[in-house]
């Protein structure tokens, strides 16, 4: 099981992910896709990355607005796995022109 990060480590990791914010025991990012279908394609690519990592975000789809939330539920909070997947989500969002 991944180790929980302390507050200092979480703050440090968030500096590398400026589009993500902490919300309690999870980190969140909202993006707007250029179209509904582009958003669905982005979600599909994130789902593939999540399966590969065996770590799955909560995803909320509201037309072109997508919200991703990450937490390591089995550890009871934030771990390096969350920040690693967040970085992958950022790269995927960028490829899909979602901001």
C-alpha atoms as a PDB file:
ATOM      1  CA  UNK A   1       0.000   0.000   0.000  1.00  0.00           C
ATOM      2  CA  UNK A   2       1.219   3.520  -0.781  1.00  0.00           C
ATOM      3  CA  UNK A   3       2.219   5.706   2.159  1.00  0.00           C
ATOM      4  CA  UNK A   4       0.193   8.767   3.062  1.00  0.00           C
ATOM      5  CA  UNK A   5       1.898  12.083   2.395  1.00  0.00           C
ATOM      6  CA  UNK A   6       2.112  14.646   5.167  1.00  0.00           C
ATOM      7  CA  UNK A   7       0.926  18.228   4.688  1.00  0.00           C
ATOM      8  CA  UNK A   8       4.403  19.510   3.784  1.00  0.00           C
ATOM      9  CA  UNK A   9       4.851  16.848   1.116  1.00  0.00           C
ATOM     10  CA  UNK A  10       1.390  17.536  -0.302  1.00  0.00           C
ATOM     11  CA  UNK A  11       2.113  21.261  -0.500  1.00  0.00           C
ATOM     12  CA  UNK A  12       5.430  20.570  -2.215  1.00  0.00           C
ATOM     13  CA  UNK A  13       3.887  18.189  -4.746  1.00  0.00           C
ATOM     14  CA  UNK A  14       1.087  20.673  -5.537  1.00  0.00           C
ATOM     15  CA  UNK A  15       3.727  23.246  -6.558  1.00  0.00           C
ATOM     16  CA  UNK A  16       4.469  21.005  -9.558  1.00  0.00           C
ATOM     17  CA  UNK A  17       0.747  20.775 -10.392  1.00  0.00           C
ATOM     18  CA  UNK A  18      -0.493  24.379 -10.436  1.00  0.00           C
ATOM     19  CA  UNK A  19      -3.912  23.476 -11.869  1.00  0.00           C
ATOM     20  CA  UNK A  20      -4.715  21.151  -8.984  1.00  0.00           C
ATOM     21  CA  UNK A  21      -6.049  22.154  -5.569  1.00  0.00           C
ATOM     22  CA  UNK A  22      -6.374  20.295  -2.337  1.00  0.00           C
ATOM     23  CA  UNK A  23      -9.861  19.648  -1.033  1.00  0.00           C
ATOM     24  CA  UNK A  24      -9.536  17.786   2.256  1.00  0.00           C
ATOM     25  CA  UNK A  25      -8.093  14.355   1.556  1.00  0.00           C
ATOM     26  CA  UNK A  26      -8.184  14.686  -2.231  1.00  0.00           C
ATOM     27  CA  UNK A  27      -6.812  16.832  -5.020  1.00  0.00           C
ATOM     28  CA  UNK A  28      -9.027  18.242  -7.770  1.00  0.00           C
ATOM     29  CA  UNK A  29      -8.733  19.763 -11.199  1.00  0.00           C
ATOM     30  CA  UNK A  30     -11.423  21.123 -13.503  1.00  0.00           C
ATOM     31  CA  UNK A  31     -10.857  21.434 -17.257  1.00  0.00           C
ATOM     32  CA  UNK A  32     -12.972  22.669 -20.114  1.00  0.00           C
ATOM     33  CA  UNK A  33     -12.728  20.669 -23.332  1.00  0.00           C
ATOM     34  CA  UNK A  34     -13.194  22.335 -26.730  1.00  0.00           C
ATOM     35  CA  UNK A  35     -16.299  20.189 -27.361  1.00  0.00           C
ATOM     36  CA  UNK A  36     -18.363  17.532 -25.661  1.00  0.00           C
ATOM     37  CA  UNK A  37     -16.842  14.771 -27.790  1.00  0.00           C
ATOM     38  CA  UNK A  38     -13.313  16.055 -27.123  1.00  0.00           C
ATOM     39  CA  UNK A  39     -14.108  15.826 -23.411  1.00  0.00           C
ATOM     40  CA  UNK A  40     -15.339  12.262 -23.762  1.00  0.00           C
ATOM     41  CA  UNK A  41     -12.185  11.341 -25.690  1.00  0.00           C
ATOM     42  CA  UNK A  42     -10.108  12.935 -22.928  1.00  0.00           C
ATOM     43  CA  UNK A  43     -11.984  10.919 -20.297  1.00  0.00           C
ATOM     44  CA  UNK A  44     -11.419   7.732 -22.309  1.00  0.00           C
ATOM     45  CA  UNK A  45      -7.684   8.382 -22.440  1.00  0.00           C
ATOM     46  CA  UNK A  46      -7.596   9.161 -18.704  1.00  0.00           C
ATOM     47  CA  UNK A  47      -9.507   5.915 -18.057  1.00  0.00           C
ATOM     48  CA  UNK A  48      -6.853   3.972 -19.970  1.00  0.00           C
ATOM     49  CA  UNK A  49      -4.062   5.654 -17.992  1.00  0.00           C
ATOM     50  CA  UNK A  50      -5.927   4.945 -14.746  1.00  0.00           C
ATOM     51  CA  UNK A  51      -6.323   1.270 -15.619  1.00  0.00           C
ATOM     52  CA  UNK A  52      -2.643   1.043 -16.460  1.00  0.00           C
ATOM     53  CA  UNK A  53      -1.752   2.632 -13.116  1.00  0.00           C
ATOM     54  CA  UNK A  54      -4.438   0.639 -11.253  1.00  0.00           C
ATOM     55  CA  UNK A  55      -5.471   3.931  -9.678  1.00  0.00           C
ATOM     56  CA  UNK A  56      -8.795   5.495 -10.606  1.00  0.00           C
ATOM     57  CA  UNK A  57      -9.974   9.106 -10.323  1.00  0.00           C
ATOM     58  CA  UNK A  58     -13.490  10.262  -9.667  1.00  0.00           C
ATOM     59  CA  UNK A  59     -14.646  11.991 -12.841  1.00  0.00           C
ATOM     60  CA  UNK A  60     -17.591  14.367 -13.165  1.00  0.00           C
ATOM     61  CA  UNK A  61     -18.733  15.300 -16.694  1.00  0.00           C
ATOM     62  CA  UNK A  62     -20.872  18.408 -17.199  1.00  0.00           C
ATOM     63  CA  UNK A  63     -21.088  19.003 -20.955  1.00  0.00           C
ATOM     64  CA  UNK A  64     -17.570  20.290 -21.781  1.00  0.00           C
ATOM     65  CA  UNK A  65     -16.465  20.725 -18.161  1.00  0.00           C
ATOM     66  CA  UNK A  66     -14.675  17.789 -16.573  1.00  0.00           C
ATOM     67  CA  UNK A  67     -13.686  17.553 -12.930  1.00  0.00           C
ATOM     68  CA  UNK A  68     -11.093  15.029 -11.792  1.00  0.00           C
ATOM     69  CA  UNK A  69     -10.640  14.132  -8.122  1.00  0.00           C
ATOM     70  CA  UNK A  70      -7.881  11.905  -6.795  1.00  0.00           C
ATOM     71  CA  UNK A  71      -7.369  10.234  -3.436  1.00  0.00           C
ATOM     72  CA  UNK A  72      -5.942   6.882  -2.431  1.00  0.00           C
ATOM     73  CA  UNK A  73      -8.986   5.496  -0.666  1.00  0.00           C
ATOM     74  CA  UNK A  74      -7.201   2.315   0.468  1.00  0.00           C
ATOM     75  CA  UNK A  75      -4.637   4.487   2.301  1.00  0.00           C
ATOM     76  CA  UNK A  76      -7.191   6.977   3.601  1.00  0.00           C
ATOM     77  CA  UNK A  77      -5.798  10.094   1.921  1.00  0.00           C
ATOM     78  CA  UNK A  78      -3.225  11.438  -0.488  1.00  0.00           C
ATOM     79  CA  UNK A  79      -0.238   9.421  -1.674  1.00  0.00           C
ATOM     80  CA  UNK A  80       2.332   9.769  -4.419  1.00  0.00           C
ATOM     81  CA  UNK A  81       0.029   7.705  -6.648  1.00  0.00           C
ATOM     82  CA  UNK A  82      -2.444  10.601  -6.720  1.00  0.00           C
ATOM     83  CA  UNK A  83       0.169  13.120  -7.798  1.00  0.00           C
ATOM     84  CA  UNK A  84       1.649  10.782 -10.398  1.00  0.00           C
ATOM     85  CA  UNK A  85      -1.767  10.249 -12.004  1.00  0.00           C
ATOM     86  CA  UNK A  86      -2.536  13.985 -11.751  1.00  0.00           C
ATOM     87  CA  UNK A  87       0.578  14.703 -13.819  1.00  0.00           C
ATOM     88  CA  UNK A  88      -0.578  12.172 -16.423  1.00  0.00           C
ATOM     89  CA  UNK A  89      -4.043  13.770 -16.489  1.00  0.00           C
ATOM     90  CA  UNK A  90      -2.403  17.167 -17.075  1.00  0.00           C
ATOM     91  CA  UNK A  91      -0.487  15.786 -20.056  1.00  0.00           C
ATOM     92  CA  UNK A  92      -3.607  14.157 -21.490  1.00  0.00           C
ATOM     93  CA  UNK A  93      -5.660  17.340 -21.025  1.00  0.00           C
ATOM     94  CA  UNK A  94      -2.979  19.327 -22.813  1.00  0.00           C
ATOM     95  CA  UNK A  95      -3.010  16.936 -25.782  1.00  0.00           C
ATOM     96  CA  UNK A  96      -6.785  17.402 -26.014  1.00  0.00           C
ATOM     97  CA  UNK A  97      -6.565  21.215 -25.839  1.00  0.00           C
ATOM     98  CA  UNK A  98      -8.502  21.263 -22.582  1.00  0.00           C
ATOM     99  CA  UNK A  99      -7.744  24.089 -20.207  1.00  0.00           C
END
